[in-house]
Amino acid sequence: MTRSVTGRLKEDPSVIVERLHRMAKKHDVEFSGDVEKGYAKGKGFHVEYVVLGESCTLTVTKKPMLIPWSLVEHQLEKLFNE
């Protein structure tokens, strides 16, 4: 089962991707991607992203069994609303 959330980007995608590369390395998470699409996986999660214009769709394709989908969706939505 997968879940997706789409939202508007608040910064240029290149700035976000650069930040994601640094954070992934710091937290021992595999990250691969560019300003159009990519993924992050680690700690039991696999998340893919696609950027179209000013919006981005995040899709969780794998998550730890003990973490409820409602929590995952809430955290993803916070990325776009804060």
PDB file of N, CA and C in Angstrom:
ATOM      1  N   MET A   1       0.844  -1.181   0.000  1.00  0.00           N
ATOM      2  CA  MET A   1       0.000   0.000   0.000  1.00  0.00           C
ATOM      3  C   MET A   1       0.889   1.244   0.000  1.00  0.00           C
ATOM      4  N   THR A   2       0.511   2.229  -0.785  1.00  0.00           N
ATOM      5  CA  THR A   2       1.260   3.490  -0.828  1.00  0.00           C
ATOM      6  C   THR A   2       0.319   4.642  -0.488  1.00  0.00           C
ATOM      7  N   ARG A   3       0.916   5.743  -0.081  1.00  0.00           N
ATOM      8  CA  ARG A   3       0.160   6.968   0.184  1.00  0.00           C
ATOM      9  C   ARG A   3       0.937   8.135  -0.407  1.00  0.00           C
ATOM     10  N   SER A   4       0.212   9.099  -0.954  1.00  0.00           N
ATOM     11  CA  SER A   4       0.841  10.268  -1.571  1.00  0.00           C
ATOM     12  C   SER A   4       0.262  11.554  -1.014  1.00  0.00           C
ATOM     13  N   VAL A   5       1.109  12.569  -0.994  1.00  0.00           N
ATOM     14  CA  VAL A   5       0.712  13.912  -0.590  1.00  0.00           C
ATOM     15  C   VAL A   5       1.335  14.875  -1.593  1.00  0.00           C
ATOM     16  N   THR A   6       0.538  15.841  -2.062  1.00  0.00           N
ATOM     17  CA  THR A   6       1.036  16.843  -2.995  1.00  0.00           C
ATOM     18  C   THR A   6       0.898  18.215  -2.361  1.00  0.00           C
ATOM     19  N   GLY A   7       1.913  19.035  -2.549  1.00  0.00           N
ATOM     20  CA  GLY A   7       1.874  20.387  -2.003  1.00  0.00           C
ATOM     21  C   GLY A   7       2.744  21.321  -2.808  1.00  0.00           C
ATOM     22  N   ARG A   8       2.615  22.588  -2.502  1.00  0.00           N
ATOM     23  CA  ARG A   8       3.377  23.629  -3.191  1.00  0.00           C
ATOM     24  C   ARG A   8       4.726  23.814  -2.514  1.00  0.00           C
ATOM     25  N   LEU A   9       5.779  23.920  -3.313  1.00  0.00           N
ATOM     26  CA  LEU A   9       7.122  24.134  -2.780  1.00  0.00           C
ATOM     27  C   LEU A   9       7.292  25.594  -2.366  1.00  0.00           C
ATOM     28  N   LYS A  10       7.937  25.792  -1.237  1.00  0.00           N
ATOM     29  CA  LYS A  10       8.154  27.147  -0.727  1.00  0.00           C
ATOM     30  C   LYS A  10       9.519  27.697  -1.117  1.00  0.00           C
ATOM     31  N   GLU A  11      10.380  26.821  -1.659  1.00  0.00           N
ATOM     32  CA  GLU A  11      11.712  27.220  -2.081  1.00  0.00           C
ATOM     33  C   GLU A  11      11.998  26.612  -3.443  1.00  0.00           C
ATOM     34  N   ASP A  12      13.048  27.095  -4.067  1.00  0.00           N
ATOM     35  CA  ASP A  12      13.484  26.540  -5.335  1.00  0.00           C
ATOM     36  C   ASP A  12      13.864  25.068  -5.141  1.00  0.00           C
ATOM     37  N   PRO A  13      13.455  24.182  -6.048  1.00  0.00           N
ATOM     38  CA  PRO A  13      13.767  22.758  -5.898  1.00  0.00           C
ATOM     39  C   PRO A  13      15.257  22.458  -5.725  1.00  0.00           C
ATOM     40  N   SER A  14      16.123  23.220  -6.368  1.00  0.00           N
ATOM     41  CA  SER A  14      17.566  22.961  -6.242  1.00  0.00           C
ATOM     42  C   SER A  14      18.045  23.174  -4.815  1.00  0.00           C
ATOM     43  N   VAL A  15      17.495  24.148  -4.126  1.00  0.00           N
ATOM     44  CA  VAL A  15      17.849  24.405  -2.723  1.00  0.00           C
ATOM     45  C   VAL A  15      17.370  23.250  -1.844  1.00  0.00           C
ATOM     46  N   ILE A  16      16.176  22.782  -2.101  1.00  0.00           N
ATOM     47  CA  ILE A  16      15.605  21.676  -1.322  1.00  0.00           C
ATOM     48  C   ILE A  16      16.394  20.392  -1.540  1.00  0.00           C
ATOM     49  N   VAL A  17      16.731  20.086  -2.794  1.00  0.00           N
ATOM     50  CA  VAL A  17      17.473  18.860  -3.094  1.00  0.00           C
ATOM     51  C   VAL A  17      18.853  18.892  -2.438  1.00  0.00           C
ATOM     52  N   GLU A  18      19.510  20.025  -2.471  1.00  0.00           N
ATOM     53  CA  GLU A  18      20.820  20.153  -1.819  1.00  0.00           C
ATOM     54  C   GLU A  18      20.696  19.889  -0.314  1.00  0.00           C
ATOM     55  N   ARG A  19      19.678  20.443   0.300  1.00  0.00           N
ATOM     56  CA  ARG A  19      19.447  20.236   1.732  1.00  0.00           C
ATOM     57  C   ARG A  19      19.155  18.759   2.029  1.00  0.00           C
ATOM     58  N   LEU A  20      18.361  18.124   1.171  1.00  0.00           N
ATOM     59  CA  LEU A  20      18.042  16.707   1.353  1.00  0.00           C
ATOM     60  C   LEU A  20      19.282  15.831   1.269  1.00  0.00           C
ATOM     61  N   HIS A  21      20.187  16.141   0.340  1.00  0.00           N
ATOM     62  CA  HIS A  21      21.437  15.379   0.240  1.00  0.00           C
ATOM     63  C   HIS A  21      22.227  15.479   1.550  1.00  0.00           C
ATOM     64  N   ARG A  22      22.343  16.679   2.106  1.00  0.00           N
ATOM     65  CA  ARG A  22      23.084  16.869   3.374  1.00  0.00           C
ATOM     66  C   ARG A  22      22.406  16.133   4.522  1.00  0.00           C
ATOM     67  N   MET A  23      21.084  16.259   4.629  1.00  0.00           N
ATOM     68  CA  MET A  23      20.357  15.611   5.720  1.00  0.00           C
ATOM     69  C   MET A  23      20.432  14.094   5.608  1.00  0.00           C
ATOM     70  N   ALA A  24      20.333  13.570   4.398  1.00  0.00           N
ATOM     71  CA  ALA A  24      20.389  12.119   4.205  1.00  0.00           C
ATOM     72  C   ALA A  24      21.740  11.578   4.657  1.00  0.00           C
ATOM     73  N   LYS A  25      22.794  12.255   4.275  1.00  0.00           N
ATOM     74  CA  LYS A  25      24.136  11.816   4.675  1.00  0.00           C
ATOM     75  C   LYS A  25      24.283  11.856   6.195  1.00  0.00           C
ATOM     76  N   LYS A  26      23.805  12.916   6.803  1.00  0.00           N
ATOM     77  CA  LYS A  26      23.898  13.086   8.252  1.00  0.00           C
ATOM     78  C   LYS A  26      23.136  11.988   8.996  1.00  0.00           C
ATOM     79  N   HIS A  27      22.000  11.557   8.461  1.00  0.00           N
ATOM     80  CA  HIS A  27      21.137  10.588   9.148  1.00  0.00           C
ATOM     81  C   HIS A  27      21.249   9.170   8.566  1.00  0.00           C
ATOM     82  N   ASP A  28      22.266   8.934   7.753  1.00  0.00           N
ATOM     83  CA  ASP A  28      22.518   7.606   7.189  1.00  0.00           C
ATOM     84  C   ASP A  28      21.316   7.066   6.411  1.00  0.00           C
ATOM     85  N   VAL A  29      20.788   7.916   5.530  1.00  0.00           N
ATOM     86  CA  VAL A  29      19.656   7.563   4.670  1.00  0.00           C
ATOM     87  C   VAL A  29      20.132   7.677   3.227  1.00  0.00           C
ATOM     88  N   GLU A  30      19.778   6.715   2.408  1.00  0.00           N
ATOM     89  CA  GLU A  30      20.140   6.756   0.988  1.00  0.00           C
ATOM     90  C   GLU A  30      19.241   7.757   0.280  1.00  0.00           C
ATOM     91  N   PHE A  31      19.844   8.663  -0.469  1.00  0.00           N
ATOM     92  CA  PHE A  31      19.082   9.650  -1.225  1.00  0.00           C
ATOM     93  C   PHE A  31      19.648   9.744  -2.625  1.00  0.00           C
ATOM     94  N   SER A  32      18.771   9.722  -3.604  1.00  0.00           N
ATOM     95  CA  SER A  32      19.180   9.888  -4.985  1.00  0.00           C
ATOM     96  C   SER A  32      18.105  10.704  -5.686  1.00  0.00           C
ATOM     97  N   GLY A  33      18.533  11.730  -6.401  1.00  0.00           N
ATOM     98  CA  GLY A  33      17.546  12.511  -7.123  1.00  0.00           C
ATOM     99  C   GLY A  33      18.074  13.830  -7.601  1.00  0.00           C
ATOM    100  N   ASP A  34      17.221  14.514  -8.316  1.00  0.00           N
ATOM    101  CA  ASP A  34      17.537  15.839  -8.830  1.00  0.00           C
ATOM    102  C   ASP A  34      16.317  16.734  -8.637  1.00  0.00           C
ATOM    103  N   VAL A  35      16.258  17.832  -9.372  1.00  0.00           N
ATOM    104  CA  VAL A  35      15.159  18.787  -9.178  1.00  0.00           C
ATOM    105  C   VAL A  35      13.838  18.316  -9.792  1.00  0.00           C
ATOM    106  N   GLU A  36      13.833  17.166 -10.462  1.00  0.00           N
ATOM    107  CA  GLU A  36      12.604  16.662 -11.072  1.00  0.00           C
ATOM    108  C   GLU A  36      12.026  15.442 -10.368  1.00  0.00           C
ATOM    109  N   LYS A  37      12.895  14.515  -9.941  1.00  0.00           N
ATOM    110  CA  LYS A  37      12.405  13.318  -9.267  1.00  0.00           C
ATOM    111  C   LYS A  37      13.542  12.637  -8.520  1.00  0.00           C
ATOM    112  N   GLY A  38      13.149  11.770  -7.589  1.00  0.00           N
ATOM    113  CA  GLY A  38      14.147  11.040  -6.826  1.00  0.00           C
ATOM    114  C   GLY A  38      13.506  10.233  -5.723  1.00  0.00           C
ATOM    115  N   TYR A  39      14.357   9.746  -4.813  1.00  0.00           N
ATOM    116  CA  TYR A  39      13.863   8.949  -3.702  1.00  0.00           C
ATOM    117  C   TYR A  39      14.798   9.038  -2.510  1.00  0.00           C
ATOM    118  N   ALA A  40      14.259   8.667  -1.373  1.00  0.00           N
ATOM    119  CA  ALA A  40      15.035   8.515  -0.143  1.00  0.00           C
ATOM    120  C   ALA A  40      14.589   7.207   0.486  1.00  0.00           C
ATOM    121  N   LYS A  41      15.560   6.436   0.989  1.00  0.00           N
ATOM    122  CA  LYS A  41      15.180   5.215   1.686  1.00  0.00           C
ATOM    123  C   LYS A  41      16.158   4.953   2.818  1.00  0.00           C
ATOM    124  N   GLY A  42      15.571   4.462   3.890  1.00  0.00           N
ATOM    125  CA  GLY A  42      16.341   4.149   5.079  1.00  0.00           C
ATOM    126  C   GLY A  42      15.433   4.150   6.291  1.00  0.00           C
ATOM    127  N   LYS A  43      15.897   3.520   7.353  1.00  0.00           N
ATOM    128  CA  LYS A  43      15.141   3.470   8.608  1.00  0.00           C
ATOM    129  C   LYS A  43      13.755   2.859   8.406  1.00  0.00           C
ATOM    130  N   GLY A  44      13.621   1.964   7.417  1.00  0.00           N
ATOM    131  CA  GLY A  44      12.348   1.293   7.167  1.00  0.00           C
ATOM    132  C   GLY A  44      11.417   2.023   6.224  1.00  0.00           C
ATOM    133  N   PHE A  45      11.831   3.182   5.733  1.00  0.00           N
ATOM    134  CA  PHE A  45      10.993   3.983   4.838  1.00  0.00           C
ATOM    135  C   PHE A  45      11.565   3.993   3.429  1.00  0.00           C
ATOM    136  N   HIS A  46      10.680   4.146   2.452  1.00  0.00           N
ATOM    137  CA  HIS A  46      11.066   4.434   1.073  1.00  0.00           C
ATOM    138  C   HIS A  46      10.076   5.476   0.579  1.00  0.00           C
ATOM    139  N   VAL A  47      10.592   6.645   0.217  1.00  0.00           N
ATOM    140  CA  VAL A  47       9.759   7.769  -0.223  1.00  0.00           C
ATOM    141  C   VAL A  47      10.271   8.249  -1.576  1.00  0.00           C
ATOM    142  N   GLU A  48       9.371   8.389  -2.514  1.00  0.00           N
ATOM    143  CA  GLU A  48       9.706   8.911  -3.831  1.00  0.00           C
ATOM    144  C   GLU A  48       9.102  10.300  -3.982  1.00  0.00           C
ATOM    145  N   TYR A  49       9.746  11.140  -4.809  1.00  0.00           N
ATOM    146  CA  TYR A  49       9.180  12.470  -5.059  1.00  0.00           C
ATOM    147  C   TYR A  49       9.238  12.803  -6.537  1.00  0.00           C
ATOM    148  N   VAL A  50       8.269  13.616  -6.962  1.00  0.00           N
ATOM    149  CA  VAL A  50       8.206  14.127  -8.331  1.00  0.00           C
ATOM    150  C   VAL A  50       7.846  15.602  -8.232  1.00  0.00           C
ATOM    151  N   VAL A  51       8.635  16.438  -8.903  1.00  0.00           N
ATOM    152  CA  VAL A  51       8.395  17.884  -8.906  1.00  0.00           C
ATOM    153  C   VAL A  51       7.863  18.279 -10.277  1.00  0.00           C
ATOM    154  N   LEU A  52       6.738  19.001 -10.272  1.00  0.00           N
ATOM    155  CA  LEU A  52       6.154  19.549 -11.496  1.00  0.00           C
ATOM    156  C   LEU A  52       5.876  21.023 -11.245  1.00  0.00           C
ATOM    157  N   GLY A  53       6.673  21.881 -11.856  1.00  0.00           N
ATOM    158  CA  GLY A  53       6.506  23.315 -11.627  1.00  0.00           C
ATOM    159  C   GLY A  53       6.793  23.664 -10.187  1.00  0.00           C
ATOM    160  N   GLU A  54       5.814  24.260  -9.518  1.00  0.00           N
ATOM    161  CA  GLU A  54       5.972  24.661  -8.118  1.00  0.00           C
ATOM    162  C   GLU A  54       5.392  23.651  -7.139  1.00  0.00           C
ATOM    163  N   SER A  55       4.929  22.513  -7.637  1.00  0.00           N
ATOM    164  CA  SER A  55       4.355  21.518  -6.733  1.00  0.00           C
ATOM    165  C   SER A  55       5.193  20.241  -6.724  1.00  0.00           C
ATOM    166  N   CYS A  56       5.054  19.514  -5.628  1.00  0.00           N
ATOM    167  CA  CYS A  56       5.802  18.282  -5.432  1.00  0.00           C
ATOM    168  C   CYS A  56       4.862  17.220  -4.876  1.00  0.00           C
ATOM    169  N   THR A  57       4.984  16.014  -5.396  1.00  0.00           N
ATOM    170  CA  THR A  57       4.225  14.881  -4.876  1.00  0.00           C
ATOM    171  C   THR A  57       5.197  13.931  -4.190  1.00  0.00           C
ATOM    172  N   LEU A  58       4.926  13.652  -2.921  1.00  0.00           N
ATOM    173  CA  LEU A  58       5.698  12.691  -2.136  1.00  0.00           C
ATOM    174  C   LEU A  58       4.876  11.420  -2.020  1.00  0.00           C
ATOM    175  N   THR A  59       5.485  10.283  -2.337  1.00  0.00           N
ATOM    176  CA  THR A  59       4.795   9.007  -2.257  1.00  0.00           C
ATOM    177  C   THR A  59       5.591   8.060  -1.372  1.00  0.00           C
ATOM    178  N   VAL A  60       4.966   7.605  -0.304  1.00  0.00           N
ATOM    179  CA  VAL A  60       5.584   6.632   0.587  1.00  0.00           C
ATOM    180  C   VAL A  60       5.231   5.248   0.050  1.00  0.00           C
ATOM    181  N   THR A  61       6.255   4.492  -0.341  1.00  0.00           N
ATOM    182  CA  THR A  61       6.021   3.158  -0.891  1.00  0.00           C
ATOM    183  C   THR A  61       6.317   2.066   0.130  1.00  0.00           C
ATOM    184  N   LYS A  62       6.996   2.435   1.214  1.00  0.00           N
ATOM    185  CA  LYS A  62       7.290   1.470   2.270  1.00  0.00           C
ATOM    186  C   LYS A  62       7.460   2.225   3.577  1.00  0.00           C
ATOM    187  N   LYS A  63       6.953   1.628   4.665  1.00  0.00           N
ATOM    188  CA  LYS A  63       7.088   2.221   5.988  1.00  0.00           C
ATOM    189  C   LYS A  63       7.162   1.104   7.021  1.00  0.00           C
ATOM    190  N   PRO A  64       7.700   1.395   8.198  1.00  0.00           N
ATOM    191  CA  PRO A  64       7.694   0.378   9.259  1.00  0.00           C
ATOM    192  C   PRO A  64       6.259   0.024   9.648  1.00  0.00           C
ATOM    193  N   MET A  65       6.013  -1.229   9.898  1.00  0.00           N
ATOM    194  CA  MET A  65       4.673  -1.722  10.193  1.00  0.00           C
ATOM    195  C   MET A  65       4.057  -1.060  11.434  1.00  0.00           C
ATOM    196  N   LEU A  66       4.873  -0.727  12.415  1.00  0.00           N
ATOM    197  CA  LEU A  66       4.350  -0.188  13.670  1.00  0.00           C
ATOM    198  C   LEU A  66       3.975   1.296  13.600  1.00  0.00           C
ATOM    199  N   ILE A  67       4.345   1.969  12.532  1.00  0.00           N
ATOM    200  CA  ILE A  67       4.022   3.391  12.400  1.00  0.00           C
ATOM    201  C   ILE A  67       2.745   3.515  11.579  1.00  0.00           C
ATOM    202  N   PRO A  68       1.699   4.129  12.157  1.00  0.00           N
ATOM    203  CA  PRO A  68       0.413   4.229  11.445  1.00  0.00           C
ATOM    204  C   PRO A  68       0.474   5.204  10.263  1.00  0.00           C
ATOM    205  N   TRP A  69      -0.314   4.905   9.238  1.00  0.00           N
ATOM    206  CA  TRP A  69      -0.372   5.768   8.062  1.00  0.00           C
ATOM    207  C   TRP A  69      -0.798   7.188   8.427  1.00  0.00           C
ATOM    208  N   SER A  70      -1.674   7.328   9.406  1.00  0.00           N
ATOM    209  CA  SER A  70      -2.137   8.668   9.778  1.00  0.00           C
ATOM    210  C   SER A  70      -0.971   9.539  10.238  1.00  0.00           C
ATOM    211  N   LEU A  71      -0.030   8.967  10.965  1.00  0.00           N
ATOM    212  CA  LEU A  71       1.147   9.720  11.418  1.00  0.00           C
ATOM    213  C   LEU A  71       2.045  10.080  10.237  1.00  0.00           C
ATOM    214  N   VAL A  72       2.242   9.145   9.341  1.00  0.00           N
ATOM    215  CA  VAL A  72       3.069   9.386   8.155  1.00  0.00           C
ATOM    216  C   VAL A  72       2.471  10.516   7.322  1.00  0.00           C
ATOM    217  N   GLU A  73       1.183  10.446   7.049  1.00  0.00           N
ATOM    218  CA  GLU A  73       0.524  11.480   6.245  1.00  0.00           C
ATOM    219  C   GLU A  73       0.588  12.838   6.924  1.00  0.00           C
ATOM    220  N   HIS A  74       0.388  12.878   8.227  1.00  0.00           N
ATOM    221  CA  HIS A  74       0.452  14.130   8.975  1.00  0.00           C
ATOM    222  C   HIS A  74       1.843  14.766   8.850  1.00  0.00           C
ATOM    223  N   GLN A  75       2.889  13.966   8.993  1.00  0.00           N
ATOM    224  CA  GLN A  75       4.248  14.486   8.903  1.00  0.00           C
ATOM    225  C   GLN A  75       4.564  14.979   7.491  1.00  0.00           C
ATOM    226  N   LEU A  76       4.082  14.283   6.482  1.00  0.00           N
ATOM    227  CA  LEU A  76       4.305  14.728   5.108  1.00  0.00           C
ATOM    228  C   LEU A  76       3.596  16.046   4.829  1.00  0.00           C
ATOM    229  N   GLU A  77       2.369  16.176   5.298  1.00  0.00           N
ATOM    230  CA  GLU A  77       1.615  17.417   5.081  1.00  0.00           C
ATOM    231  C   GLU A  77       2.273  18.596   5.789  1.00  0.00           C
ATOM    232  N   LYS A  78       2.903  18.349   6.928  1.00  0.00           N
ATOM    233  CA  LYS A  78       3.607  19.411   7.645  1.00  0.00           C
ATOM    234  C   LYS A  78       4.745  19.991   6.809  1.00  0.00           C
ATOM    235  N   LEU A  79       5.339  19.188   5.949  1.00  0.00           N
ATOM    236  CA  LEU A  79       6.413  19.690   5.097  1.00  0.00           C
ATOM    237  C   LEU A  79       5.944  20.826   4.200  1.00  0.00           C
ATOM    238  N   PHE A  80       4.689  20.785   3.779  1.00  0.00           N
ATOM    239  CA  PHE A  80       4.164  21.800   2.887  1.00  0.00           C
ATOM    240  C   PHE A  80       3.454  22.937   3.620  1.00  0.00           C
ATOM    241  N   ASN A  81       3.065  22.710   4.851  1.00  0.00           N
ATOM    242  CA  ASN A  81       2.246  23.694   5.553  1.00  0.00           C
ATOM    243  C   ASN A  81       2.981  24.511   6.608  1.00  0.00           C
ATOM    244  N   GLU A  82       4.236  24.279   6.809  1.00  0.00           N
ATOM    245  CA  GLU A  82       4.968  25.052   7.824  1.00  0.00           C
ATOM    246  C   GLU A  82       5.893  26.042   7.192  1.00  0.00           C
TER     247      GLU A  82
END
